[in-house]
């Protein structure tokens, strides 16, 4: 998903817009593609051109629950195969 990022000289993100937007004039900005599963942490202004800094997005509650359900199902299968249940 393309996003418009407007940031200051220290790399602090002021505005992040996705979808329909107008590109403003006379401000520092970068139009980037944010990778799936990641989120924008800030902008590295120590290099030219400035580059985005990404971090992994935290898992949602639904993702954590699905992971726990999968682990429980694996445990149940292991116990069944071992003759415990």
Protein backbone atom coordinates (compact mmCIF):
# COMPACT_ATOMS: atom_id res chain seq x y z
CA UNK A 1 0.00 0.00 0.00
CA UNK A 2 1.45 3.37 -0.98
CA UNK A 3 1.59 5.96 1.76
CA UNK A 4 2.51 9.63 1.93
CA UNK A 5 4.93 10.36 4.79
CA UNK A 6 5.60 13.93 5.97
CA UNK A 7 8.42 14.30 8.50
CA UNK A 8 10.68 16.90 10.10
CA UNK A 9 14.46 17.37 9.91
CA UNK A 10 14.99 14.95 12.80
CA UNK A 11 13.01 12.12 11.17
CA UNK A 12 9.87 12.44 13.31
CA UNK A 13 6.78 11.46 11.36
CA UNK A 14 4.23 14.28 11.30
CA UNK A 15 1.65 12.78 8.94
CA UNK A 16 1.18 9.38 7.38
CA UNK A 17 -1.63 9.04 4.84
CA UNK A 18 -2.77 6.14 2.71
CA UNK A 19 -5.44 5.97 0.04
CA UNK A 20 -6.28 9.23 -1.73
CA UNK A 21 -4.11 12.21 -0.88
CA UNK A 22 -2.70 15.42 -2.36
CA UNK A 23 1.08 15.80 -2.38
CA UNK A 24 1.92 19.10 -0.62
CA UNK A 25 4.65 21.45 -1.85
CA UNK A 26 7.68 22.84 0.04
CA UNK A 27 7.82 20.14 2.74
CA UNK A 28 10.03 17.11 3.17
CA UNK A 29 8.19 14.01 2.11
CA UNK A 30 8.70 10.59 0.72
CA UNK A 31 6.17 8.35 -0.98
CA UNK A 32 6.95 4.76 -0.03
CA UNK A 33 5.59 1.24 -0.08
CA UNK A 34 5.26 -0.11 3.48
CA UNK A 35 6.05 -3.83 3.50
CA UNK A 36 3.33 -6.16 4.79
CA UNK A 37 3.83 -7.05 8.44
CA UNK A 38 5.95 -3.98 9.11
CA UNK A 39 5.31 -0.46 10.29
CA UNK A 40 7.17 2.79 9.86
CA UNK A 41 9.28 3.80 12.87
CA UNK A 42 10.73 7.03 11.48
CA UNK A 43 12.98 8.52 8.84
CA UNK A 44 16.76 8.35 8.80
CA UNK A 45 17.77 11.92 7.99
CA UNK A 46 21.50 11.26 8.48
CA UNK A 47 21.80 10.10 4.86
CA UNK A 48 20.81 11.64 1.54
CA UNK A 49 18.32 10.84 0.24
CA UNK A 50 16.49 10.23 3.53
CA UNK A 51 15.38 6.64 3.99
CA UNK A 52 12.49 5.07 5.92
CA UNK A 53 13.19 2.92 9.00
CA UNK A 54 10.81 -0.03 9.44
CA UNK A 55 10.10 -2.31 12.40
CA UNK A 56 8.03 -5.49 12.61
CA UNK A 57 4.38 -4.82 13.37
CA UNK A 58 3.19 -6.41 16.64
CA UNK A 59 0.93 -9.44 16.33
CA UNK A 60 -2.78 -8.81 16.73
CA UNK A 61 -4.84 -10.57 19.39
CA UNK A 62 -6.39 -12.74 16.67
CA UNK A 63 -2.94 -13.74 15.37
CA UNK A 64 -1.78 -14.67 18.89
CA UNK A 65 -4.92 -16.72 19.53
CA UNK A 66 -4.56 -18.56 16.23
CA UNK A 67 -0.95 -19.35 17.10
CA UNK A 68 -1.99 -20.68 20.54
CA UNK A 69 -4.75 -22.80 18.99
CA UNK A 70 -2.24 -24.29 16.55
CA UNK A 71 0.18 -25.09 19.40
CA UNK A 72 -2.62 -26.76 21.41
CA UNK A 73 -3.70 -28.82 18.40
CA UNK A 74 -0.10 -29.94 17.87
CA UNK A 75 0.19 -30.92 21.53
CA UNK A 76 -3.08 -32.84 21.41
CA UNK A 77 -1.93 -34.72 18.30
CA UNK A 78 1.42 -35.56 19.95
CA UNK A 79 -0.34 -36.87 23.07
CA UNK A 80 -2.75 -38.95 20.97
CA UNK A 81 0.08 -40.47 18.93
CA UNK A 82 1.97 -41.30 22.12
CA UNK A 83 -1.08 -43.13 23.52
CA UNK A 84 -1.52 -40.68 26.38
CA UNK A 85 -5.11 -39.80 25.39
